[in-house]
Every structure is written in structure tokens, then in C-alpha cells.
PDB file of all heavy atoms in Angstrom:
ATOM      1  N   GLY A   1       0.047  13.572   2.486  1.00  0.00           N
ATOM      2  CA  GLY A   1       1.217  13.899   3.295  1.00  0.00           C
ATOM      3  C   GLY A   1       1.518  15.376   3.196  1.00  0.00           C
ATOM      4  O   GLY A   1       1.214  16.015   2.182  1.00  0.00           O
ATOM      5  N   ASN A   2       2.139  15.920   4.241  1.00  0.00           N
ATOM      6  CA  ASN A   2       2.423  17.353   4.302  1.00  0.00           C
ATOM      7  C   ASN A   2       3.576  17.776   3.416  1.00  0.00           C
ATOM      8  O   ASN A   2       3.691  18.945   3.061  1.00  0.00           O
ATOM      9  CB  ASN A   2       2.713  17.775   5.748  1.00  0.00           C
ATOM     10  CG  ASN A   2       1.505  17.598   6.629  1.00  0.00           C
ATOM     11  OD1 ASN A   2       0.372  17.780   6.187  1.00  0.00           O
ATOM     12  ND2 ASN A   2       1.727  17.222   7.872  1.00  0.00           N
ATOM     13  N   ASP A   3       4.475  16.845   3.110  1.00  0.00           N
ATOM     14  CA  ASP A   3       5.618  17.096   2.234  1.00  0.00           C
ATOM     15  C   ASP A   3       6.039  15.734   1.663  1.00  0.00           C
ATOM     16  O   ASP A   3       5.392  14.731   1.937  1.00  0.00           O
ATOM     17  CB  ASP A   3       6.769  17.785   2.979  1.00  0.00           C
ATOM     18  CG  ASP A   3       7.195  17.046   4.241  1.00  0.00           C
ATOM     19  OD1 ASP A   3       7.119  15.800   4.289  1.00  0.00           O
ATOM     20  OD2 ASP A   3       7.624  17.707   5.207  1.00  0.00           O
ATOM     21  N   VAL A   4       7.107  15.687   0.881  1.00  0.00           N
ATOM     22  CA  VAL A   4       7.501  14.432   0.240  1.00  0.00           C
ATOM     23  C   VAL A   4       7.799  13.352   1.275  1.00  0.00           C
ATOM     24  O   VAL A   4       7.318  12.215   1.165  1.00  0.00           O
ATOM     25  CB  VAL A   4       8.718  14.646  -0.695  1.00  0.00           C
ATOM     26  CG1 VAL A   4       9.241  13.314  -1.206  1.00  0.00           C
ATOM     27  CG2 VAL A   4       8.360  15.541  -1.858  1.00  0.00           C
ATOM     28  N   LYS A   5       8.585  13.697   2.285  1.00  0.00           N
ATOM     29  CA  LYS A   5       8.957  12.704   3.298  1.00  0.00           C
ATOM     30  C   LYS A   5       7.719  12.159   4.008  1.00  0.00           C
ATOM     31  O   LYS A   5       7.567  10.941   4.160  1.00  0.00           O
ATOM     32  CB  LYS A   5       9.921  13.340   4.311  1.00  0.00           C
ATOM     33  CG  LYS A   5      10.406  12.395   5.372  1.00  0.00           C
ATOM     34  CD  LYS A   5      11.374  13.084   6.319  1.00  0.00           C
ATOM     35  CE  LYS A   5      11.807  12.151   7.430  1.00  0.00           C
ATOM     36  NZ  LYS A   5      12.697  12.812   8.381  1.00  0.00           N
ATOM     37  N   ASP A   6       6.827  13.042   4.413  1.00  0.00           N
ATOM     38  CA  ASP A   6       5.606  12.617   5.089  1.00  0.00           C
ATOM     39  C   ASP A   6       4.714  11.815   4.142  1.00  0.00           C
ATOM     40  O   ASP A   6       4.102  10.823   4.542  1.00  0.00           O
ATOM     41  CB  ASP A   6       4.856  13.847   5.617  1.00  0.00           C
ATOM     42  CG  ASP A   6       3.667  13.476   6.477  1.00  0.00           C
ATOM     43  OD1 ASP A   6       3.823  12.632   7.389  1.00  0.00           O
ATOM     44  OD2 ASP A   6       2.578  14.041   6.247  1.00  0.00           O
ATOM     45  N   ALA A   7       4.644  12.209   2.883  1.00  0.00           N
ATOM     46  CA  ALA A   7       3.822  11.501   1.899  1.00  0.00           C
ATOM     47  C   ALA A   7       4.328  10.071   1.692  1.00  0.00           C
ATOM     48  O   ALA A   7       3.532   9.136   1.602  1.00  0.00           O
ATOM     49  CB  ALA A   7       3.809  12.260   0.575  1.00  0.00           C
ATOM     50  N   LEU A   8       5.624   9.883   1.629  1.00  0.00           N
ATOM     51  CA  LEU A   8       6.187   8.540   1.472  1.00  0.00           C
ATOM     52  C   LEU A   8       5.869   7.672   2.690  1.00  0.00           C
ATOM     53  O   LEU A   8       5.525   6.496   2.563  1.00  0.00           O
ATOM     54  CB  LEU A   8       7.688   8.606   1.219  1.00  0.00           C
ATOM     55  CG  LEU A   8       8.079   9.193  -0.142  1.00  0.00           C
ATOM     56  CD1 LEU A   8       9.571   9.487  -0.188  1.00  0.00           C
ATOM     57  CD2 LEU A   8       7.676   8.264  -1.278  1.00  0.00           C
ATOM     58  N   TYR A   9       5.984   8.261   3.881  1.00  0.00           N
ATOM     59  CA  TYR A   9       5.644   7.538   5.109  1.00  0.00           C
ATOM     60  C   TYR A   9       4.165   7.167   5.121  1.00  0.00           C
ATOM     61  O   TYR A   9       3.792   6.026   5.420  1.00  0.00           O
ATOM     62  CB  TYR A   9       5.992   8.387   6.337  1.00  0.00           C
ATOM     63  CG  TYR A   9       5.547   7.757   7.630  1.00  0.00           C
ATOM     64  CD1 TYR A   9       6.322   6.794   8.257  1.00  0.00           C
ATOM     65  CD2 TYR A   9       4.325   8.106   8.211  1.00  0.00           C
ATOM     66  CE1 TYR A   9       5.903   6.189   9.439  1.00  0.00           C
ATOM     67  CE2 TYR A   9       3.897   7.501   9.389  1.00  0.00           C
ATOM     68  CZ  TYR A   9       4.687   6.550   9.989  1.00  0.00           C
ATOM     69  OH  TYR A   9       4.277   5.947  11.147  1.00  0.00           O
ATOM     70  N   MET A  10       3.313   8.129   4.791  1.00  0.00           N
ATOM     71  CA  MET A  10       1.874   7.906   4.816  1.00  0.00           C
ATOM     72  C   MET A  10       1.451   6.892   3.753  1.00  0.00           C
ATOM     73  O   MET A  10       0.523   6.104   3.965  1.00  0.00           O
ATOM     74  CB  MET A  10       1.121   9.228   4.638  1.00  0.00           C
ATOM     75  CG  MET A  10       1.328  10.209   5.781  1.00  0.00           C
ATOM     76  SD  MET A  10       0.835   9.560   7.386  1.00  0.00           S
ATOM     77  CE  MET A  10      -0.935   9.518   7.183  1.00  0.00           C
ATOM     78  N   ALA A  11       2.121   6.900   2.603  1.00  0.00           N
ATOM     79  CA  ALA A  11       1.820   5.927   1.552  1.00  0.00           C
ATOM     80  C   ALA A  11       2.126   4.515   2.044  1.00  0.00           C
ATOM     81  O   ALA A  11       1.341   3.581   1.824  1.00  0.00           O
ATOM     82  CB  ALA A  11       2.624   6.243   0.296  1.00  0.00           C
ATOM     83  N   ASN A  12       3.234   4.362   2.721  1.00  0.00           N
ATOM     84  CA  ASN A  12       3.625   3.064   3.268  1.00  0.00           C
ATOM     85  C   ASN A  12       2.588   2.578   4.274  1.00  0.00           C
ATOM     86  O   ASN A  12       2.172   1.419   4.253  1.00  0.00           O
ATOM     87  CB  ASN A  12       5.017   3.198   3.894  1.00  0.00           C
ATOM     88  CG  ASN A  12       5.615   1.881   4.267  1.00  0.00           C
ATOM     89  OD1 ASN A  12       5.424   1.414   5.372  1.00  0.00           O
ATOM     90  ND2 ASN A  12       6.351   1.292   3.333  1.00  0.00           N
ATOM     91  N   ASP A  13       2.153   3.469   5.157  1.00  0.00           N
ATOM     92  CA  ASP A  13       1.165   3.108   6.170  1.00  0.00           C
ATOM     93  C   ASP A  13      -0.189   2.795   5.534  1.00  0.00           C
ATOM     94  O   ASP A  13      -0.859   1.837   5.939  1.00  0.00           O
ATOM     95  CB  ASP A  13       1.027   4.232   7.193  1.00  0.00           C
ATOM     96  CG  ASP A  13       0.210   3.804   8.396  1.00  0.00           C
ATOM     97  OD1 ASP A  13       0.536   2.758   8.997  1.00  0.00           O
ATOM     98  OD2 ASP A  13      -0.755   4.507   8.735  1.00  0.00           O
ATOM     99  N   ALA A  14      -0.593   3.574   4.545  1.00  0.00           N
ATOM    100  CA  ALA A  14      -1.865   3.327   3.860  1.00  0.00           C
ATOM    101  C   ALA A  14      -1.853   1.959   3.183  1.00  0.00           C
ATOM    102  O   ALA A  14      -2.846   1.226   3.222  1.00  0.00           O
ATOM    103  CB  ALA A  14      -2.145   4.434   2.837  1.00  0.00           C
ATOM    104  N   LEU A  15      -0.733   1.621   2.581  1.00  0.00           N
ATOM    105  CA  LEU A  15      -0.599   0.320   1.926  1.00  0.00           C
ATOM    106  C   LEU A  15      -0.771  -0.810   2.940  1.00  0.00           C
ATOM    107  O   LEU A  15      -1.507  -1.772   2.707  1.00  0.00           O
ATOM    108  CB  LEU A  15       0.758   0.230   1.227  1.00  0.00           C
ATOM    109  CG  LEU A  15       1.041  -1.034   0.421  1.00  0.00           C
ATOM    110  CD1 LEU A  15       0.024  -1.200  -0.696  1.00  0.00           C
ATOM    111  CD2 LEU A  15       2.450  -0.983  -0.147  1.00  0.00           C
ATOM    112  N   GLY A  16      -0.112  -0.691   4.080  1.00  0.00           N
ATOM    113  CA  GLY A  16      -0.240  -1.711   5.128  1.00  0.00           C
ATOM    114  C   GLY A  16      -1.662  -1.836   5.648  1.00  0.00           C
ATOM    115  O   GLY A  16      -2.186  -2.947   5.793  1.00  0.00           O
ATOM    116  N   CYS A  17      -2.299  -0.702   5.903  1.00  0.00           N
ATOM    117  CA  CYS A  17      -3.687  -0.721   6.399  1.00  0.00           C
ATOM    118  C   CYS A  17      -4.622  -1.365   5.379  1.00  0.00           C
ATOM    119  O   CYS A  17      -5.495  -2.155   5.735  1.00  0.00           O
ATOM    120  CB  CYS A  17      -4.168   0.697   6.685  1.00  0.00           C
ATOM    121  SG  CYS A  17      -3.464   1.431   8.158  1.00  0.00           S
ATOM    122  N   PHE A  18      -4.433  -1.013   4.118  1.00  0.00           N
ATOM    123  CA  PHE A  18      -5.321  -1.494   3.069  1.00  0.00           C
ATOM    124  C   PHE A  18      -5.195  -3.008   2.875  1.00  0.00           C
ATOM    125  O   PHE A  18      -6.184  -3.697   2.668  1.00  0.00           O
ATOM    126  CB  PHE A  18      -5.031  -0.768   1.749  1.00  0.00           C
ATOM    127  CG  PHE A  18      -6.052  -1.022   0.690  1.00  0.00           C
ATOM    128  CD1 PHE A  18      -7.197  -0.244   0.615  1.00  0.00           C
ATOM    129  CD2 PHE A  18      -5.878  -2.038  -0.234  1.00  0.00           C
ATOM    130  CE1 PHE A  18      -8.157  -0.478  -0.364  1.00  0.00           C
ATOM    131  CE2 PHE A  18      -6.832  -2.281  -1.215  1.00  0.00           C
ATOM    132  CZ  PHE A  18      -7.974  -1.495  -1.281  1.00  0.00           C
ATOM    133  N   LEU A  19      -3.980  -3.522   2.935  1.00  0.00           N
ATOM    134  CA  LEU A  19      -3.750  -4.945   2.657  1.00  0.00           C
ATOM    135  C   LEU A  19      -3.844  -5.845   3.885  1.00  0.00           C
ATOM    136  O   LEU A  19      -3.791  -7.066   3.773  1.00  0.00           O
ATOM    137  CB  LEU A  19      -2.375  -5.124   2.003  1.00  0.00           C
ATOM    138  CG  LEU A  19      -2.215  -4.472   0.630  1.00  0.00           C
ATOM    139  CD1 LEU A  19      -0.785  -4.615   0.139  1.00  0.00           C
ATOM    140  CD2 LEU A  19      -3.201  -5.052  -0.367  1.00  0.00           C
ATOM    141  N   PHE A  20      -3.992  -5.256   5.053  1.00  0.00           N
ATOM    142  CA  PHE A  20      -3.996  -6.004   6.307  1.00  0.00           C
ATOM    143  C   PHE A  20      -5.012  -7.148   6.302  1.00  0.00           C
ATOM    144  O   PHE A  20      -4.683  -8.288   6.631  1.00  0.00           O
ATOM    145  CB  PHE A  20      -4.280  -5.056   7.486  1.00  0.00           C
ATOM    146  CG  PHE A  20      -4.286  -5.739   8.816  1.00  0.00           C
ATOM    147  CD1 PHE A  20      -3.120  -5.835   9.548  1.00  0.00           C
ATOM    148  CD2 PHE A  20      -5.442  -6.297   9.334  1.00  0.00           C
ATOM    149  CE1 PHE A  20      -3.110  -6.477  10.787  1.00  0.00           C
ATOM    150  CE2 PHE A  20      -5.447  -6.937  10.557  1.00  0.00           C
ATOM    151  CZ  PHE A  20      -4.282  -7.027  11.283  1.00  0.00           C
ATOM    152  N   ASP A  21      -6.251  -6.864   5.950  1.00  0.00           N
ATOM    153  CA  ASP A  21      -7.289  -7.899   5.992  1.00  0.00           C
ATOM    154  C   ASP A  21      -7.013  -9.025   5.001  1.00  0.00           C
ATOM    155  O   ASP A  21      -7.217 -10.200   5.324  1.00  0.00           O
ATOM    156  CB  ASP A  21      -8.668  -7.300   5.721  1.00  0.00           C
ATOM    157  CG  ASP A  21      -9.244  -6.583   6.936  1.00  0.00           C
ATOM    158  OD1 ASP A  21      -8.764  -6.840   8.062  1.00  0.00           O
ATOM    159  OD2 ASP A  21     -10.155  -5.764   6.761  1.00  0.00           O
ATOM    160  N   ASP A  22      -6.591  -8.675   3.780  1.00  0.00           N
ATOM    161  CA  ASP A  22      -6.269  -9.711   2.791  1.00  0.00           C
ATOM    162  C   ASP A  22      -5.186 -10.634   3.332  1.00  0.00           C
ATOM    163  O   ASP A  22      -5.253 -11.851   3.182  1.00  0.00           O
ATOM    164  CB  ASP A  22      -5.798  -9.089   1.471  1.00  0.00           C
ATOM    165  CG  ASP A  22      -6.928  -8.419   0.705  1.00  0.00           C
ATOM    166  OD1 ASP A  22      -8.107  -8.653   1.043  1.00  0.00           O
ATOM    167  OD2 ASP A  22      -6.635  -7.658  -0.230  1.00  0.00           O
ATOM    168  N   TYR A  23      -4.176 -10.042   3.953  1.00  0.00           N
ATOM    169  CA  TYR A  23      -3.069 -10.822   4.513  1.00  0.00           C
ATOM    170  C   TYR A  23      -3.579 -11.732   5.636  1.00  0.00           C
ATOM    171  O   TYR A  23      -3.289 -12.925   5.654  1.00  0.00           O
ATOM    172  CB  TYR A  23      -1.988  -9.870   5.036  1.00  0.00           C
ATOM    173  CG  TYR A  23      -0.827 -10.575   5.695  1.00  0.00           C
ATOM    174  CD1 TYR A  23       0.196 -11.103   4.924  1.00  0.00           C
ATOM    175  CD2 TYR A  23      -0.759 -10.703   7.073  1.00  0.00           C
ATOM    176  CE1 TYR A  23       1.271 -11.749   5.525  1.00  0.00           C
ATOM    177  CE2 TYR A  23       0.311 -11.350   7.673  1.00  0.00           C
ATOM    178  CZ  TYR A  23       1.323 -11.867   6.892  1.00  0.00           C
ATOM    179  OH  TYR A  23       2.381 -12.517   7.492  1.00  0.00           O
ATOM    180  N   ALA A  24      -4.353 -11.168   6.559  1.00  0.00           N
ATOM    181  CA  ALA A  24      -4.825 -11.934   7.714  1.00  0.00           C
ATOM    182  C   ALA A  24      -5.782 -13.051   7.310  1.00  0.00           C
ATOM    183  O   ALA A  24      -5.845 -14.083   7.972  1.00  0.00           O
ATOM    184  CB  ALA A  24      -5.493 -11.001   8.721  1.00  0.00           C
ATOM    185  N   LYS A  25      -6.509 -12.848   6.229  1.00  0.00           N
ATOM    186  CA  LYS A  25      -7.470 -13.859   5.773  1.00  0.00           C
ATOM    187  C   LYS A  25      -6.857 -14.801   4.734  1.00  0.00           C
ATOM    188  O   LYS A  25      -7.567 -15.594   4.125  1.00  0.00           O
ATOM    189  CB  LYS A  25      -8.703 -13.179   5.198  1.00  0.00           C
ATOM    190  CG  LYS A  25      -9.504 -12.428   6.245  1.00  0.00           C
ATOM    191  CD  LYS A  25     -10.665 -11.690   5.632  1.00  0.00           C
ATOM    192  CE  LYS A  25     -11.408 -10.900   6.698  1.00  0.00           C
ATOM    193  NZ  LYS A  25     -12.452 -10.058   6.097  1.00  0.00           N
ATOM    194  N   LEU A  26      -5.544 -14.693   4.521  1.00  0.00           N
ATOM    195  CA  LEU A  26      -4.806 -15.536   3.578  1.00  0.00           C
ATOM    196  C   LEU A  26      -5.338 -15.420   2.150  1.00  0.00           C
ATOM    197  O   LEU A  26      -5.288 -16.355   1.376  1.00  0.00           O
ATOM    198  CB  LEU A  26      -4.814 -17.000   4.020  1.00  0.00           C
ATOM    199  CG  LEU A  26      -4.188 -17.286   5.384  1.00  0.00           C
ATOM    200  CD1 LEU A  26      -4.362 -18.757   5.743  1.00  0.00           C
ATOM    201  CD2 LEU A  26      -2.721 -16.901   5.401  1.00  0.00           C
ATOM    202  N   GLU A  27      -5.859 -14.238   1.813  1.00  0.00           N
ATOM    203  CA  GLU A  27      -6.358 -14.002   0.461  1.00  0.00           C
ATOM    204  C   GLU A  27      -5.221 -13.552  -0.440  1.00  0.00           C
ATOM    205  O   GLU A  27      -4.216 -12.998   0.024  1.00  0.00           O
ATOM    206  CB  GLU A  27      -7.469 -12.955   0.488  1.00  0.00           C
ATOM    207  CG  GLU A  27      -8.709 -13.446   1.230  1.00  0.00           C
ATOM    208  CD  GLU A  27      -9.810 -12.409   1.320  1.00  0.00           C
ATOM    209  OE1 GLU A  27      -9.660 -11.311   0.755  1.00  0.00           O
ATOM    210  OE2 GLU A  27     -10.828 -12.705   1.963  1.00  0.00           O
ATOM    211  N   ASP A  28      -5.388 -13.768  -1.732  1.00  0.00           N
ATOM    212  CA  ASP A  28      -4.391 -13.312  -2.697  1.00  0.00           C
ATOM    213  C   ASP A  28      -4.332 -11.792  -2.700  1.00  0.00           C
ATOM    214  O   ASP A  28      -5.360 -11.117  -2.587  1.00  0.00           O
ATOM    215  CB  ASP A  28      -4.731 -13.811  -4.105  1.00  0.00           C
ATOM    216  CG  ASP A  28      -4.573 -15.324  -4.233  1.00  0.00           C
ATOM    217  OD1 ASP A  28      -3.768 -15.901  -3.467  1.00  0.00           O
ATOM    218  OD2 ASP A  28      -5.239 -15.905  -5.096  1.00  0.00           O
ATOM    219  N   MET A  29      -3.130 -11.270  -2.847  1.00  0.00           N
ATOM    220  CA  MET A  29      -2.951  -9.834  -2.938  1.00  0.00           C
ATOM    221  C   MET A  29      -3.361  -9.365  -4.348  1.00  0.00           C
ATOM    222  O   MET A  29      -3.173 -10.095  -5.319  1.00  0.00           O
ATOM    223  CB  MET A  29      -1.482  -9.458  -2.708  1.00  0.00           C
ATOM    224  CG  MET A  29      -0.973  -9.769  -1.320  1.00  0.00           C
ATOM    225  SD  MET A  29      -1.743  -8.736  -0.081  1.00  0.00           S
ATOM    226  CE  MET A  29      -2.183  -9.961   1.117  1.00  0.00           C
ATOM    227  N   PRO A  30      -3.899  -8.139  -4.451  1.00  0.00           N
ATOM    228  CA  PRO A  30      -4.227  -7.613  -5.779  1.00  0.00           C
ATOM    229  C   PRO A  30      -2.976  -7.555  -6.658  1.00  0.00           C
ATOM    230  O   PRO A  30      -1.865  -7.358  -6.167  1.00  0.00           O
ATOM    231  CB  PRO A  30      -4.742  -6.201  -5.486  1.00  0.00           C
ATOM    232  CG  PRO A  30      -5.183  -6.252  -4.054  1.00  0.00           C
ATOM    233  CD  PRO A  30      -4.266  -7.223  -3.383  1.00  0.00           C
ATOM    234  N   LYS A  31      -3.177  -7.714  -7.955  1.00  0.00           N
ATOM    235  CA  LYS A  31      -2.079  -7.667  -8.909  1.00  0.00           C
ATOM    236  C   LYS A  31      -1.544  -6.239  -8.991  1.00  0.00           C
ATOM    237  O   LYS A  31      -2.290  -5.284  -8.961  1.00  0.00           O
ATOM    238  CB  LYS A  31      -2.571  -8.128 -10.278  1.00  0.00           C
ATOM    239  CG  LYS A  31      -1.482  -8.302 -11.309  1.00  0.00           C
ATOM    240  CD  LYS A  31      -2.068  -8.907 -12.575  1.00  0.00           C
ATOM    241  CE  LYS A  31      -1.131  -9.079 -13.721  1.00  0.00           C
ATOM    242  NZ  LYS A  31       0.162  -8.542 -13.734  1.00  0.00           N
ATOM    243  N   SER A  32      -0.245  -6.114  -9.108  1.00  0.00           N
ATOM    244  CA  SER A  32       0.418  -4.812  -9.179  1.00  0.00           C
ATOM    245  C   SER A  32       0.706  -4.443 -10.636  1.00  0.00           C
ATOM    246  O   SER A  32       1.236  -5.252 -11.390  1.00  0.00           O
ATOM    247  CB  SER A  32       1.724  -4.870  -8.383  1.00  0.00           C
ATOM    248  OG  SER A  32       2.424  -3.664  -8.494  1.00  0.00           O
ATOM    249  N   SER A  33       0.379  -3.216 -10.994  1.00  0.00           N
ATOM    250  CA  SER A  33       0.677  -2.701 -12.335  1.00  0.00           C
ATOM    251  C   SER A  33       2.146  -2.338 -12.447  1.00  0.00           C
ATOM    252  O   SER A  33       2.865  -2.251 -11.448  1.00  0.00           O
ATOM    253  CB  SER A  33      -0.137  -1.435 -12.609  1.00  0.00           C
ATOM    254  OG  SER A  33      -1.502  -1.688 -12.563  1.00  0.00           O
ATOM    255  N   LEU A  34       2.567  -2.085 -13.665  1.00  0.00           N
ATOM    256  CA  LEU A  34       3.912  -1.569 -13.901  1.00  0.00           C
ATOM    257  C   LEU A  34       3.876  -0.051 -13.803  1.00  0.00           C
ATOM    258  O   LEU A  34       2.949   0.594 -14.312  1.00  0.00           O
ATOM    259  CB  LEU A  34       4.412  -1.987 -15.285  1.00  0.00           C
ATOM    260  CG  LEU A  34       4.584  -3.488 -15.496  1.00  0.00           C
ATOM    261  CD1 LEU A  34       4.942  -3.776 -16.953  1.00  0.00           C
ATOM    262  CD2 LEU A  34       5.654  -4.033 -14.568  1.00  0.00           C
ATOM    263  N   LEU A  35       4.886   0.508 -13.174  1.00  0.00           N
ATOM    264  CA  LEU A  35       4.956   1.950 -12.988  1.00  0.00           C
ATOM    265  C   LEU A  35       4.922   2.687 -14.325  1.00  0.00           C
ATOM    266  O   LEU A  35       4.256   3.716 -14.464  1.00  0.00           O
ATOM    267  CB  LEU A  35       6.233   2.301 -12.206  1.00  0.00           C
ATOM    268  CG  LEU A  35       6.344   3.703 -11.645  1.00  0.00           C
ATOM    269  CD1 LEU A  35       5.247   3.963 -10.627  1.00  0.00           C
ATOM    270  CD2 LEU A  35       7.695   3.909 -11.006  1.00  0.00           C
ATOM    271  N   GLU A  36       5.619   2.136 -15.332  1.00  0.00           N
ATOM    272  CA  GLU A  36       5.697   2.821 -16.627  1.00  0.00           C
ATOM    273  C   GLU A  36       4.356   2.841 -17.367  1.00  0.00           C
ATOM    274  O   GLU A  36       4.174   3.617 -18.306  1.00  0.00           O
ATOM    275  CB  GLU A  36       6.780   2.215 -17.519  1.00  0.00           C
ATOM    276  CG  GLU A  36       6.660   0.730 -17.735  1.00  0.00           C
ATOM    277  CD  GLU A  36       7.468  -0.098 -16.749  1.00  0.00           C
ATOM    278  OE1 GLU A  36       7.853   0.403 -15.676  1.00  0.00           O
ATOM    279  OE2 GLU A  36       7.705  -1.275 -17.055  1.00  0.00           O
ATOM    280  N   ASP A  37       3.394   2.047 -16.932  1.00  0.00           N
ATOM    281  CA  ASP A  37       2.070   2.043 -17.562  1.00  0.00           C
ATOM    282  C   ASP A  37       1.127   3.089 -16.966  1.00  0.00           C
ATOM    283  O   ASP A  37      -0.016   3.209 -17.402  1.00  0.00           O
ATOM    284  CB  ASP A  37       1.424   0.656 -17.431  1.00  0.00           C
ATOM    285  CG  ASP A  37       2.154  -0.407 -18.230  1.00  0.00           C
ATOM    286  OD1 ASP A  37       2.904  -0.044 -19.159  1.00  0.00           O
ATOM    287  OD2 ASP A  37       1.961  -1.605 -17.935  1.00  0.00           O
TER     288      ASP A  37
END
């Protein structure tokens, strides 16, 4: 992203693009780590 605001927007879009196929194929989503780790 070009700045913080754009980076947050782009992160959201990247997440959607990445998980789209798993969602459409009814596959389990990858496990999420804890931020503090």
C-alpha cells in the first residue's frame, strides 16, 4: 500500500482474494495465529 490507509485497504482485499477459493469450495479456513506471537 502507498500509505497506512491504502495498506489497510489492500490488506483487506488481499485477504479476500486469497481465501476466495477455500470459501467457494467449502474448505476449512487456515488457522489464525495470535497477534502477540
